[in-house]
Amino acid sequence: MKVRVTVSLKEGVLDPQGKAIGHALHVLDFPEVREVRVGKVIELDLDEADAARAQERAIEMAKGLLANQVIEDFRTEIVQ
């Protein structure tokens, strides 16, 4: 079963990489870009048949390693 974990910075946490990308987009003539926030997507292929159990395990993995809960939020979803 595939589970996708999306990790993003919490609201209010500075995102220098996002700022740099936003600036570069303006330089490349994309003035409509207001703000850029950078995150990461991690796809896990789990040896688990039960969707609820797979999502529960992915949450445990995110809390234990994949996301720094001090500055990041995460969400999980089952991928069909």
Protein backbone atom coordinates (compact mmCIF):
# COMPACT_ATOMS: atom_id res chain seq x y z
CA MET A 1 0.00 0.00 0.00
CA LYS A 2 1.34 3.44 -0.91
CA VAL A 3 1.13 6.33 1.52
CA ARG A 4 2.13 9.90 0.73
CA VAL A 5 3.49 12.09 3.53
CA THR A 6 3.54 15.82 2.77
CA VAL A 7 5.71 17.92 5.08
CA SER A 8 5.57 21.72 5.15
CA LEU A 9 6.84 24.48 7.38
CA LYS A 10 4.42 25.72 10.00
CA GLU A 11 2.78 29.09 9.47
CA GLY A 12 5.07 31.82 10.76
CA VAL A 13 8.30 29.84 10.31
CA LEU A 14 10.71 31.66 8.00
CA ASP A 15 11.31 29.93 4.66
CA PRO A 16 14.55 31.28 3.10
CA GLN A 17 14.43 28.72 0.28
CA GLY A 18 10.89 29.81 -0.58
CA LYS A 19 11.97 33.48 -0.50
CA ALA A 20 14.87 32.74 -2.89
CA ILE A 21 12.58 30.88 -5.29
CA GLY A 22 10.02 33.69 -5.13
CA HIS A 23 12.69 36.26 -5.93
CA ALA A 24 14.02 34.17 -8.83
CA LEU A 25 10.51 33.81 -10.27
CA HIS A 26 10.07 37.60 -10.19
CA VAL A 27 13.42 38.03 -11.96
CA LEU A 28 12.23 35.53 -14.58
CA ASP A 29 9.17 37.75 -15.18
CA PHE A 30 6.54 35.95 -13.11
CA PRO A 31 5.30 38.97 -11.12
CA GLU A 32 2.01 37.29 -10.20
CA VAL A 33 3.78 35.07 -7.64
CA ARG A 34 2.96 36.46 -4.20
CA GLU A 35 4.61 33.96 -1.88
CA VAL A 36 6.45 30.64 -2.17
CA ARG A 37 6.67 28.03 0.58
CA VAL A 38 8.86 24.95 0.11
CA GLY A 39 8.04 21.53 1.52
CA LYS A 40 8.70 17.90 0.75
CA VAL A 41 6.70 14.89 -0.36
CA ILE A 42 7.70 11.40 0.76
CA GLU A 43 6.03 8.37 -0.80
CA LEU A 44 6.15 5.16 1.17
CA ASP A 45 5.37 1.72 -0.25
CA LEU A 46 4.34 -0.26 2.82
CA ASP A 47 3.90 -3.99 3.21
CA GLU A 48 0.46 -3.46 4.72
CA ALA A 49 -2.95 -4.44 3.28
CA ASP A 50 -5.13 -2.47 5.71
CA ALA A 51 -5.40 1.23 4.74
CA ALA A 52 -6.09 2.42 8.29
CA ARG A 53 -3.07 0.54 9.63
CA ALA A 54 -0.85 1.81 6.80
CA GLN A 55 -1.85 5.40 7.51
CA GLU A 56 -1.32 4.90 11.25
CA ARG A 57 2.20 3.57 10.61
CA ALA A 58 2.99 6.47 8.26
CA ILE A 59 1.92 8.93 10.96
CA GLU A 60 4.27 7.19 13.41
CA MET A 61 7.10 7.45 10.86
CA ALA A 62 6.39 11.13 10.26
CA LYS A 63 6.38 11.88 13.98
CA GLY A 64 9.54 9.84 14.57
CA LEU A 65 11.69 10.88 11.63
CA LEU A 66 10.11 12.47 8.57
CA ALA A 67 8.92 15.76 10.08
CA ASN A 68 10.42 18.06 12.69
CA GLN A 69 7.24 18.79 14.63
CA VAL A 70 8.74 21.91 16.21
CA ILE A 71 8.78 23.75 12.87
CA GLU A 72 6.91 21.48 10.43
CA ASP A 73 3.40 20.16 9.90
CA PHE A 74 2.60 17.00 7.97
CA ARG A 75 -0.32 15.20 6.47
CA THR A 76 -0.67 11.64 5.20
CA GLU A 77 -2.85 10.19 2.47
CA ILE A 78 -3.34 6.77 0.94
CA VAL A 79 -2.31 6.75 -2.74
CA GLN A 80 -4.48 4.63 -5.02
